[in-house]
Amino acid sequence: MEQEKETDAPSSRPQDMVLSVLGFASQYATDGMVPAIPSRTFVSVLGRTGIGEAATRATLNRMTHRGLLTRRKDGRTTVFAPTDEGERLVTQGRSRLTNPAPFERTDDIWTVLSCPLPARLRNARYHLLPRLAWAGFGPLQPNLWIAPGRIDVRPLLVDLLPAEDLDLAHAFQGSPSFPTPTAQLVARAWDLDVLRAAHNDFLTRWENAEPDLPEALPQLLLLSSDWSDLLRTDPGLPEKYLGPQWPAPRSTATYKRLHAELRPSVAKQFASLL
């Protein structure tokens, strides 16, 4: 399988792979819960995507230190399970990955978030920035972000900021008005050439790819990782602000096709691992 080459590994995020494995585990476990997974299972599965054992174990340790995973001994085996924060990321990621039309938006409603955090909340800001990117926010200026659509910012903030500091953040939803044209805000918050290039990179890798059913699990992990990267990059802007022949519909069709073709084999392969 071409996607399995070692040279492909740097384009994949080991943490995303670990979260994807946990997400698959919750889908295919008989009780629907995310089971504790042995470290050797992560090493084996991620190794089939081109990620080495040392990188996998370092990622598991880093995620444990960050409070995303718990680690315990089951006999002589080390097993990992998600914390509440890890579960949140798994659930959030699964919801976003399975959105049937992630880039389609017809309204002109926007969410604006102002969140100037003092130095004592530097750690909260560190965790907030990737959440904002995943939720579709682009930076307008320091401490001010904008996202297309009506975004509920509560889950982005409530577990990061102490209750007494929540009033530092202010969120508004609506449409820009004179003297600021919306196209100007879009151009300031996002580079459309970068967004188009991200779609073209995804399509170059996957549009003509055929399902490799014996290697369905690692292939789907690689596909999902690249799809996650694309979702972080392109927030799904209204079509009227995009250039001609915008590639997002092709990207969505490509992901949906391969995912549907790989999923039955992945279910069987993952059931055997669990």
C-alpha atoms as a PDB file:
ATOM      1  CA  MET A   1       0.000   0.000   0.000  1.00  0.00           C
ATOM      2  CA  GLU A   2       1.550   3.284  -1.091  1.00  0.00           C
ATOM      3  CA  GLN A   3       0.270   5.232   1.895  1.00  0.00           C
ATOM      4  CA  GLU A   4       2.203   2.949   4.232  1.00  0.00           C
ATOM      5  CA  LYS A   5       5.688   4.081   3.240  1.00  0.00           C
ATOM      6  CA  GLU A   6       7.980   5.454   5.922  1.00  0.00           C
ATOM      7  CA  THR A   7       8.312   8.689   3.978  1.00  0.00           C
ATOM      8  CA  ASP A   8       4.610   9.344   4.495  1.00  0.00           C
ATOM      9  CA  ALA A   9       4.860   9.302   8.280  1.00  0.00           C
ATOM     10  CA  PRO A  10       5.837  12.971   8.814  1.00  0.00           C
ATOM     11  CA  SER A  11       2.576  14.136   7.209  1.00  0.00           C
ATOM     12  CA  SER A  12       0.617  12.184   9.813  1.00  0.00           C
ATOM     13  CA  ARG A  13       0.156  13.350  13.383  1.00  0.00           C
ATOM     14  CA  PRO A  14       0.796  10.532  15.859  1.00  0.00           C
ATOM     15  CA  GLN A  15      -1.591  12.096  18.400  1.00  0.00           C
ATOM     16  CA  ASP A  16      -4.362  12.208  15.805  1.00  0.00           C
ATOM     17  CA  MET A  17      -3.640   8.560  15.025  1.00  0.00           C
ATOM     18  CA  VAL A  18      -3.931   7.612  18.698  1.00  0.00           C
ATOM     19  CA  LEU A  19      -7.231   9.499  19.011  1.00  0.00           C
ATOM     20  CA  SER A  20      -8.482   7.838  15.822  1.00  0.00           C
ATOM     21  CA  VAL A  21      -7.628   4.406  17.206  1.00  0.00           C
ATOM     22  CA  LEU A  22      -9.578   5.264  20.369  1.00  0.00           C
ATOM     23  CA  GLY A  23     -12.469   6.489  18.233  1.00  0.00           C
ATOM     24  CA  PHE A  24     -12.501   3.288  16.198  1.00  0.00           C
ATOM     25  CA  ALA A  25     -12.360   1.286  19.426  1.00  0.00           C
ATOM     26  CA  SER A  26     -15.452   3.027  20.795  1.00  0.00           C
ATOM     27  CA  GLN A  27     -17.339   2.355  17.543  1.00  0.00           C
ATOM     28  CA  TYR A  28     -16.476  -1.312  17.398  1.00  0.00           C
ATOM     29  CA  ALA A  29     -16.532  -2.222  21.103  1.00  0.00           C
ATOM     30  CA  THR A  30     -19.626  -4.217  22.045  1.00  0.00           C
ATOM     31  CA  ASP A  31     -20.688  -1.765  24.782  1.00  0.00           C
ATOM     32  CA  GLY A  32     -19.877   1.396  22.832  1.00  0.00           C
ATOM     33  CA  MET A  33     -17.344   2.500  25.449  1.00  0.00           C
ATOM     34  CA  VAL A  34     -13.720   3.293  24.706  1.00  0.00           C
ATOM     35  CA  PRO A  35     -11.789   0.297  26.067  1.00  0.00           C
ATOM     36  CA  ALA A  36      -8.338   0.377  27.613  1.00  0.00           C
ATOM     37  CA  ILE A  37      -5.939  -0.487  24.801  1.00  0.00           C
ATOM     38  CA  PRO A  38      -2.524  -2.135  25.287  1.00  0.00           C
ATOM     39  CA  SER A  39       0.473  -0.100  24.223  1.00  0.00           C
ATOM     40  CA  ARG A  40       1.548  -2.921  21.919  1.00  0.00           C
ATOM     41  CA  THR A  41      -1.728  -2.497  19.979  1.00  0.00           C
ATOM     42  CA  PHE A  42      -0.973   1.180  19.378  1.00  0.00           C
ATOM     43  CA  VAL A  43       2.577   0.278  18.352  1.00  0.00           C
ATOM     44  CA  SER A  44       1.330  -2.368  15.925  1.00  0.00           C
ATOM     45  CA  VAL A  45      -1.441  -0.271  14.342  1.00  0.00           C
ATOM     46  CA  LEU A  46       0.536   2.968  14.051  1.00  0.00           C
ATOM     47  CA  GLY A  47       3.544   1.033  12.814  1.00  0.00           C
ATOM     48  CA  ARG A  48       1.465  -0.060   9.813  1.00  0.00           C
ATOM     49  CA  THR A  49       1.042   3.632   8.909  1.00  0.00           C
ATOM     50  CA  GLY A  50       4.788   4.247   8.948  1.00  0.00           C
ATOM     51  CA  ILE A  51       5.075   5.637  12.493  1.00  0.00           C
ATOM     52  CA  GLY A  52       7.882   3.953  14.422  1.00  0.00           C
ATOM     53  CA  GLU A  53       7.617   2.367  17.865  1.00  0.00           C
ATOM     54  CA  ALA A  54       9.675   5.093  19.564  1.00  0.00           C
ATOM     55  CA  ALA A  55       7.445   7.855  18.181  1.00  0.00           C
ATOM     56  CA  THR A  56       4.294   5.978  19.210  1.00  0.00           C
ATOM     57  CA  ARG A  57       5.484   5.369  22.770  1.00  0.00           C
ATOM     58  CA  ALA A  58       6.653   8.984  23.081  1.00  0.00           C
ATOM     59  CA  THR A  59       3.224  10.152  21.906  1.00  0.00           C
ATOM     60  CA  LEU A  60       1.430   7.943  24.447  1.00  0.00           C
ATOM     61  CA  ASN A  61       3.660   9.291  27.223  1.00  0.00           C
ATOM     62  CA  ARG A  62       3.149  12.891  26.104  1.00  0.00           C
ATOM     63  CA  MET A  63      -0.634  12.471  25.939  1.00  0.00           C
ATOM     64  CA  THR A  64      -0.575  10.949  29.435  1.00  0.00           C
ATOM     65  CA  HIS A  65       1.373  13.908  30.807  1.00  0.00           C
ATOM     66  CA  ARG A  66      -1.056  16.300  29.099  1.00  0.00           C
ATOM     67  CA  GLY A  67      -4.004  14.646  30.827  1.00  0.00           C
ATOM     68  CA  LEU A  68      -5.503  13.075  27.696  1.00  0.00           C
ATOM     69  CA  LEU A  69      -4.761   9.446  28.628  1.00  0.00           C
ATOM     70  CA  THR A  70      -4.490   7.361  31.757  1.00  0.00           C
ATOM     71  CA  ARG A  71      -1.917   4.579  32.048  1.00  0.00           C
ATOM     72  CA  ARG A  72      -2.112   1.481  34.211  1.00  0.00           C
ATOM     73  CA  LYS A  73      -0.789  -2.027  34.380  1.00  0.00           C
ATOM     74  CA  ASP A  74      -2.979  -4.983  33.461  1.00  0.00           C
ATOM     75  CA  GLY A  75      -0.796  -7.846  34.583  1.00  0.00           C
ATOM     76  CA  ARG A  76       2.452  -7.338  32.714  1.00  0.00           C
ATOM     77  CA  THR A  77       0.781  -5.260  30.012  1.00  0.00           C
ATOM     78  CA  THR A  78       0.610  -1.456  29.996  1.00  0.00           C
ATOM     79  CA  VAL A  79      -2.780  -0.213  28.841  1.00  0.00           C
ATOM     80  CA  PHE A  80      -4.014   3.281  28.012  1.00  0.00           C
ATOM     81  CA  ALA A  81      -7.515   4.750  28.207  1.00  0.00           C
ATOM     82  CA  PRO A  82      -8.793   8.286  27.579  1.00  0.00           C
ATOM     83  CA  THR A  83      -9.434  10.730  30.390  1.00  0.00           C
ATOM     84  CA  ASP A  84     -12.546  12.898  30.324  1.00  0.00           C
ATOM     85  CA  GLU A  85     -10.632  15.413  28.204  1.00  0.00           C
ATOM     86  CA  GLY A  86      -9.460  12.621  25.917  1.00  0.00           C
ATOM     87  CA  GLU A  87     -13.031  11.370  25.584  1.00  0.00           C
ATOM     88  CA  ARG A  88     -14.111  14.910  24.679  1.00  0.00           C
ATOM     89  CA  LEU A  89     -11.545  15.069  21.893  1.00  0.00           C
ATOM     90  CA  VAL A  90     -12.528  11.632  20.604  1.00  0.00           C
ATOM     91  CA  THR A  91     -16.237  12.534  20.576  1.00  0.00           C
ATOM     92  CA  GLN A  92     -15.623  15.955  19.053  1.00  0.00           C
ATOM     93  CA  GLY A  93     -13.352  14.525  16.391  1.00  0.00           C
ATOM     94  CA  ARG A  94     -15.807  11.778  15.461  1.00  0.00           C
ATOM     95  CA  SER A  95     -18.637  14.311  15.140  1.00  0.00           C
ATOM     96  CA  ARG A  96     -16.585  16.560  12.874  1.00  0.00           C
ATOM     97  CA  LEU A  97     -15.186  13.716  10.777  1.00  0.00           C
ATOM     98  CA  THR A  98     -18.653  12.321  10.096  1.00  0.00           C
ATOM     99  CA  ASN A  99     -20.237  15.648   9.122  1.00  0.00           C
ATOM    100  CA  PRO A 100     -21.689  14.858   5.660  1.00  0.00           C
ATOM    101  CA  ALA A 101     -21.127  18.416   4.364  1.00  0.00           C
ATOM    102  CA  PRO A 102     -18.365  20.055   6.432  1.00  0.00           C
ATOM    103  CA  PHE A 103     -17.535  22.779   3.893  1.00  0.00           C
ATOM    104  CA  GLU A 104     -21.041  23.753   2.790  1.00  0.00           C
ATOM    105  CA  ARG A 105     -22.447  26.966   4.210  1.00  0.00           C
ATOM    106  CA  THR A 106     -25.117  29.173   2.632  1.00  0.00           C
ATOM    107  CA  ASP A 107     -25.867  31.743   5.336  1.00  0.00           C
ATOM    108  CA  ASP A 108     -23.797  34.833   6.130  1.00  0.00           C
ATOM    109  CA  ILE A 109     -23.852  34.519   9.919  1.00  0.00           C
ATOM    110  CA  TRP A 110     -20.540  34.696  11.780  1.00  0.00           C
ATOM    111  CA  THR A 111     -19.302  34.155  15.326  1.00  0.00           C
ATOM    112  CA  VAL A 112     -16.789  36.633  16.720  1.00  0.00           C
ATOM    113  CA  LEU A 113     -14.832  35.754  19.855  1.00  0.00           C
ATOM    114  CA  SER A 114     -12.784  38.219  21.875  1.00  0.00           C
ATOM    115  CA  CYS A 115     -10.642  36.482  24.481  1.00  0.00           C
ATOM    116  CA  PRO A 116      -7.683  38.488  25.828  1.00  0.00           C
ATOM    117  CA  LEU A 117      -6.065  36.294  28.476  1.00  0.00           C
ATOM    118  CA  PRO A 118      -3.535  37.596  31.004  1.00  0.00           C
ATOM    119  CA  ALA A 119      -0.096  36.030  31.455  1.00  0.00           C
ATOM    120  CA  ARG A 120      -1.289  33.964  34.422  1.00  0.00           C
ATOM    121  CA  LEU A 121      -3.603  32.083  32.018  1.00  0.00           C
ATOM    122  CA  ARG A 122      -0.865  31.343  29.481  1.00  0.00           C
ATOM    123  CA  ASN A 123      -1.495  27.598  29.753  1.00  0.00           C
ATOM    124  CA  ALA A 124      -5.202  28.083  29.012  1.00  0.00           C
ATOM    125  CA  ARG A 125      -4.330  30.092  25.909  1.00  0.00           C
ATOM    126  CA  TYR A 126      -1.969  27.325  24.761  1.00  0.00           C
ATOM    127  CA  HIS A 127      -4.843  24.828  24.843  1.00  0.00           C
ATOM    128  CA  LEU A 128      -7.412  27.280  23.484  1.00  0.00           C
ATOM    129  CA  LEU A 129      -5.678  28.022  20.172  1.00  0.00           C
ATOM    130  CA  PRO A 130      -5.941  24.479  18.704  1.00  0.00           C
ATOM    131  CA  ARG A 131      -9.562  24.273  19.877  1.00  0.00           C
ATOM    132  CA  LEU A 132     -10.348  27.487  18.013  1.00  0.00           C
ATOM    133  CA  ALA A 133      -8.683  26.219  14.847  1.00  0.00           C
ATOM    134  CA  TRP A 134     -10.651  22.947  15.027  1.00  0.00           C
ATOM    135  CA  ALA A 135     -13.891  24.895  15.573  1.00  0.00           C
ATOM    136  CA  GLY A 136     -13.251  26.970  12.428  1.00  0.00           C
ATOM    137  CA  PHE A 137     -11.965  30.240  13.899  1.00  0.00           C
ATOM    138  CA  GLY A 138      -9.471  32.405  12.049  1.00  0.00           C
ATOM    139  CA  PRO A 139      -7.532  35.287  13.639  1.00  0.00           C
ATOM    140  CA  LEU A 140      -8.622  38.839  12.842  1.00  0.00           C
ATOM    141  CA  GLN A 141      -6.158  40.512  15.189  1.00  0.00           C
ATOM    142  CA  PRO A 142      -4.550  39.639  18.549  1.00  0.00           C
ATOM    143  CA  ASN A 143      -7.132  38.062  20.871  1.00  0.00           C
ATOM    144  CA  LEU A 144      -9.938  38.397  18.302  1.00  0.00           C
ATOM    145  CA  TRP A 145     -11.177  35.510  16.145  1.00  0.00           C
ATOM    146  CA  ILE A 146     -14.000  34.971  13.644  1.00  0.00           C
ATOM    147  CA  ALA A 147     -15.684  31.772  12.429  1.00  0.00           C
ATOM    148  CA  PRO A 148     -18.404  31.118   9.852  1.00  0.00           C
ATOM    149  CA  GLY A 149     -21.767  30.092  11.271  1.00  0.00           C
ATOM    150  CA  ARG A 150     -23.137  30.016  14.804  1.00  0.00           C
ATOM    151  CA  ILE A 151     -20.451  28.444  16.975  1.00  0.00           C
ATOM    152  CA  ASP A 152     -21.181  27.514  20.577  1.00  0.00           C
ATOM    153  CA  VAL A 153     -18.031  28.723  22.347  1.00  0.00           C
ATOM    154  CA  ARG A 154     -19.064  27.330  25.733  1.00  0.00           C
ATOM    155  CA  PRO A 155     -17.344  23.925  25.295  1.00  0.00           C
ATOM    156  CA  LEU A 156     -14.223  25.736  24.072  1.00  0.00           C
ATOM    157  CA  LEU A 157     -13.903  27.779  27.254  1.00  0.00           C
ATOM    158  CA  VAL A 158     -15.654  26.387  30.311  1.00  0.00           C
ATOM    159  CA  ASP A 159     -13.097  23.735  31.202  1.00  0.00           C
ATOM    160  CA  LEU A 160     -10.118  25.983  30.397  1.00  0.00           C
ATOM    161  CA  LEU A 161     -10.963  29.212  32.218  1.00  0.00           C
ATOM    162  CA  PRO A 162     -11.790  29.505  35.920  1.00  0.00           C
ATOM    163  CA  ALA A 163     -15.384  30.561  36.426  1.00  0.00           C
ATOM    164  CA  GLU A 164     -14.280  33.957  37.732  1.00  0.00           C
ATOM    165  CA  ASP A 165     -12.336  34.585  34.486  1.00  0.00           C
ATOM    166  CA  LEU A 166     -15.054  33.674  31.980  1.00  0.00           C
ATOM    167  CA  ASP A 167     -16.045  37.328  31.757  1.00  0.00           C
ATOM    168  CA  LEU A 168     -12.722  37.962  29.992  1.00  0.00           C
ATOM    169  CA  ALA A 169     -14.239  36.362  26.896  1.00  0.00           C
ATOM    170  CA  HIS A 170     -16.984  37.910  24.771  1.00  0.00           C
ATOM    171  CA  ALA A 171     -18.762  36.203  21.869  1.00  0.00           C
ATOM    172  CA  PHE A 172     -21.110  37.714  19.295  1.00  0.00           C
ATOM    173  CA  GLN A 173     -23.060  36.249  16.398  1.00  0.00           C
ATOM    174  CA  GLY A 174     -24.356  38.148  13.391  1.00  0.00           C
ATOM    175  CA  SER A 175     -23.363  39.747  10.088  1.00  0.00           C
ATOM    176  CA  PRO A 176     -20.731  42.433   9.494  1.00  0.00           C
ATOM    177  CA  SER A 177     -21.979  45.863   8.505  1.00  0.00           C
ATOM    178  CA  PHE A 178     -20.595  49.133   7.141  1.00  0.00           C
ATOM    179  CA  PRO A 179     -17.774  50.071   7.009  1.00  0.00           C
ATOM    180  CA  THR A 180     -16.436  46.500   7.053  1.00  0.00           C
ATOM    181  CA  PRO A 181     -17.277  44.264   4.061  1.00  0.00           C
ATOM    182  CA  THR A 182     -17.347  40.574   4.927  1.00  0.00           C
ATOM    183  CA  ALA A 183     -14.937  39.729   2.117  1.00  0.00           C
ATOM    184  CA  GLN A 184     -12.355  41.912   3.821  1.00  0.00           C
ATOM    185  CA  LEU A 185     -12.714  39.968   7.073  1.00  0.00           C
ATOM    186  CA  VAL A 186     -12.419  36.665   5.238  1.00  0.00           C
ATOM    187  CA  ALA A 187      -9.237  37.811   3.491  1.00  0.00           C
ATOM    188  CA  ARG A 188      -7.764  38.952   6.788  1.00  0.00           C
ATOM    189  CA  ALA A 189      -8.533  35.767   8.719  1.00  0.00           C
ATOM    190  CA  TRP A 190      -7.808  33.163   6.013  1.00  0.00           C
ATOM    191  CA  ASP A 191      -5.469  32.822   3.052  1.00  0.00           C
ATOM    192  CA  LEU A 192      -7.672  31.308   0.342  1.00  0.00           C
ATOM    193  CA  ASP A 193      -4.626  30.168  -1.627  1.00  0.00           C
ATOM    194  CA  VAL A 194      -3.513  28.136   1.399  1.00  0.00           C
ATOM    195  CA  LEU A 195      -6.988  26.618   1.742  1.00  0.00           C
ATOM    196  CA  ARG A 196      -7.097  25.677  -1.947  1.00  0.00           C
ATOM    197  CA  ALA A 197      -3.606  24.180  -1.768  1.00  0.00           C
ATOM    198  CA  ALA A 198      -4.649  22.054   1.236  1.00  0.00           C
ATOM    199  CA  HIS A 199      -7.554  20.616  -0.764  1.00  0.00           C
ATOM    200  CA  ASN A 200      -5.340  19.997  -3.781  1.00  0.00           C
ATOM    201  CA  ASP A 201      -2.790  18.158  -1.618  1.00  0.00           C
ATOM    202  CA  PHE A 202      -5.561  15.976  -0.180  1.00  0.00           C
ATOM    203  CA  LEU A 203      -6.938  15.240  -3.642  1.00  0.00           C
ATOM    204  CA  THR A 204      -3.502  14.449  -5.056  1.00  0.00           C
ATOM    205  CA  ARG A 205      -3.062  11.792  -2.412  1.00  0.00           C
ATOM    206  CA  TRP A 206      -6.523  10.299  -2.215  1.00  0.00           C
ATOM    207  CA  GLU A 207      -8.807  11.141  -5.155  1.00  0.00           C
ATOM    208  CA  ASN A 208      -7.572   8.259  -7.304  1.00  0.00           C
ATOM    209  CA  ALA A 209      -6.638   5.934  -4.440  1.00  0.00           C
ATOM    210  CA  GLU A 210      -8.192   2.476  -4.400  1.00  0.00           C
ATOM    211  CA  PRO A 211      -9.140   0.731  -1.151  1.00  0.00           C
ATOM    212  CA  ASP A 212      -6.481  -1.690   0.054  1.00  0.00           C
ATOM    213  CA  LEU A 213      -8.775  -4.029   1.976  1.00  0.00           C
ATOM    214  CA  PRO A 214      -6.047  -6.209   3.567  1.00  0.00           C
ATOM    215  CA  GLU A 215      -4.561  -2.954   4.920  1.00  0.00           C
ATOM    216  CA  ALA A 216      -7.891  -1.197   5.445  1.00  0.00           C
ATOM    217  CA  LEU A 217      -7.182  -0.171   9.044  1.00  0.00           C
ATOM    218  CA  PRO A 218      -3.908   1.714   8.458  1.00  0.00           C
ATOM    219  CA  GLN A 219      -5.251   3.140   5.196  1.00  0.00           C
ATOM    220  CA  LEU A 220      -8.322   4.530   6.950  1.00  0.00           C
ATOM    221  CA  LEU A 221      -6.154   5.934   9.743  1.00  0.00           C
ATOM    222  CA  LEU A 222      -4.026   7.790   7.200  1.00  0.00           C
ATOM    223  CA  LEU A 223      -7.101   8.995   5.334  1.00  0.00           C
ATOM    224  CA  SER A 224      -8.742  10.212   8.547  1.00  0.00           C
ATOM    225  CA  SER A 225      -5.570  11.980   9.651  1.00  0.00           C
ATOM    226  CA  ASP A 226      -5.301  13.858   6.357  1.00  0.00           C
ATOM    227  CA  TRP A 227      -9.026  14.652   6.485  1.00  0.00           C
ATOM    228  CA  SER A 228      -8.616  16.037  10.029  1.00  0.00           C
ATOM    229  CA  ASP A 229      -5.787  18.270   8.847  1.00  0.00           C
ATOM    230  CA  LEU A 230      -7.992  19.546   6.021  1.00  0.00           C
ATOM    231  CA  LEU A 231     -10.889  20.255   8.394  1.00  0.00           C
ATOM    232  CA  ARG A 232      -8.558  22.265  10.620  1.00  0.00           C
ATOM    233  CA  THR A 233      -7.379  24.295   7.636  1.00  0.00           C
ATOM    234  CA  ASP A 234     -10.673  24.997   5.846  1.00  0.00           C
ATOM    235  CA  PRO A 235     -13.467  26.204   8.171  1.00  0.00           C
ATOM    236  CA  GLY A 236     -16.173  25.967   5.496  1.00  0.00           C
ATOM    237  CA  LEU A 237     -16.559  29.533   4.258  1.00  0.00           C
ATOM    238  CA  PRO A 238     -19.656  30.646   2.322  1.00  0.00           C
ATOM    239  CA  GLU A 239     -19.267  29.926  -1.372  1.00  0.00           C
ATOM    240  CA  LYS A 240     -19.568  33.549  -2.493  1.00  0.00           C
ATOM    241  CA  TYR A 241     -16.243  34.391  -0.820  1.00  0.00           C
ATOM    242  CA  LEU A 242     -14.366  31.574  -2.543  1.00  0.00           C
ATOM    243  CA  GLY A 243     -12.680  31.419  -5.908  1.00  0.00           C
ATOM    244  CA  PRO A 244     -13.977  29.579  -8.998  1.00  0.00           C
ATOM    245  CA  GLN A 245     -13.991  25.765  -9.105  1.00  0.00           C
ATOM    246  CA  TRP A 246     -13.461  25.531  -5.362  1.00  0.00           C
ATOM    247  CA  PRO A 247     -12.178  21.985  -4.680  1.00  0.00           C
ATOM    248  CA  ALA A 248     -14.024  21.309  -1.402  1.00  0.00           C
ATOM    249  CA  PRO A 249     -16.872  19.259  -2.976  1.00  0.00           C
ATOM    250  CA  ARG A 250     -14.323  16.945  -4.628  1.00  0.00           C
ATOM    251  CA  SER A 251     -12.504  16.517  -1.317  1.00  0.00           C
ATOM    252  CA  THR A 252     -15.729  15.635   0.493  1.00  0.00           C
ATOM    253  CA  ALA A 253     -16.759  13.124  -2.187  1.00  0.00           C
ATOM    254  CA  THR A 254     -13.295  11.539  -2.107  1.00  0.00           C
ATOM    255  CA  TYR A 255     -13.323  11.088   1.673  1.00  0.00           C
ATOM    256  CA  LYS A 256     -16.878   9.724   1.756  1.00  0.00           C
ATOM    257  CA  ARG A 257     -16.165   7.226  -1.034  1.00  0.00           C
ATOM    258  CA  LEU A 258     -13.016   5.766   0.486  1.00  0.00           C
ATOM    259  CA  HIS A 259     -14.424   5.764   4.012  1.00  0.00           C
ATOM    260  CA  ALA A 260     -17.488   3.809   2.891  1.00  0.00           C
ATOM    261  CA  GLU A 261     -15.354   1.298   0.984  1.00  0.00           C
ATOM    262  CA  LEU A 262     -12.915   0.742   3.855  1.00  0.00           C
ATOM    263  CA  ARG A 263     -15.260   0.748   6.844  1.00  0.00           C
ATOM    264  CA  PRO A 264     -16.544  -2.882   6.666  1.00  0.00           C
ATOM    265  CA  SER A 265     -13.016  -4.304   6.530  1.00  0.00           C
ATOM    266  CA  VAL A 266     -11.852  -1.944   9.285  1.00  0.00           C
ATOM    267  CA  ALA A 267     -14.682  -3.126  11.536  1.00  0.00           C
ATOM    268  CA  LYS A 268     -13.572  -6.741  11.141  1.00  0.00           C
ATOM    269  CA  GLN A 269      -9.893  -5.950  11.635  1.00  0.00           C
ATOM    270  CA  PHE A 270     -10.535  -3.845  14.702  1.00  0.00           C
ATOM    271  CA  ALA A 271     -12.863  -6.444  16.231  1.00  0.00           C
ATOM    272  CA  SER A 272     -10.028  -8.951  16.025  1.00  0.00           C
ATOM    273  CA  LEU A 273      -7.677  -6.533  17.789  1.00  0.00           C
ATOM    274  CA  LEU A 274     -10.172  -5.921  20.608  1.00  0.00           C
END
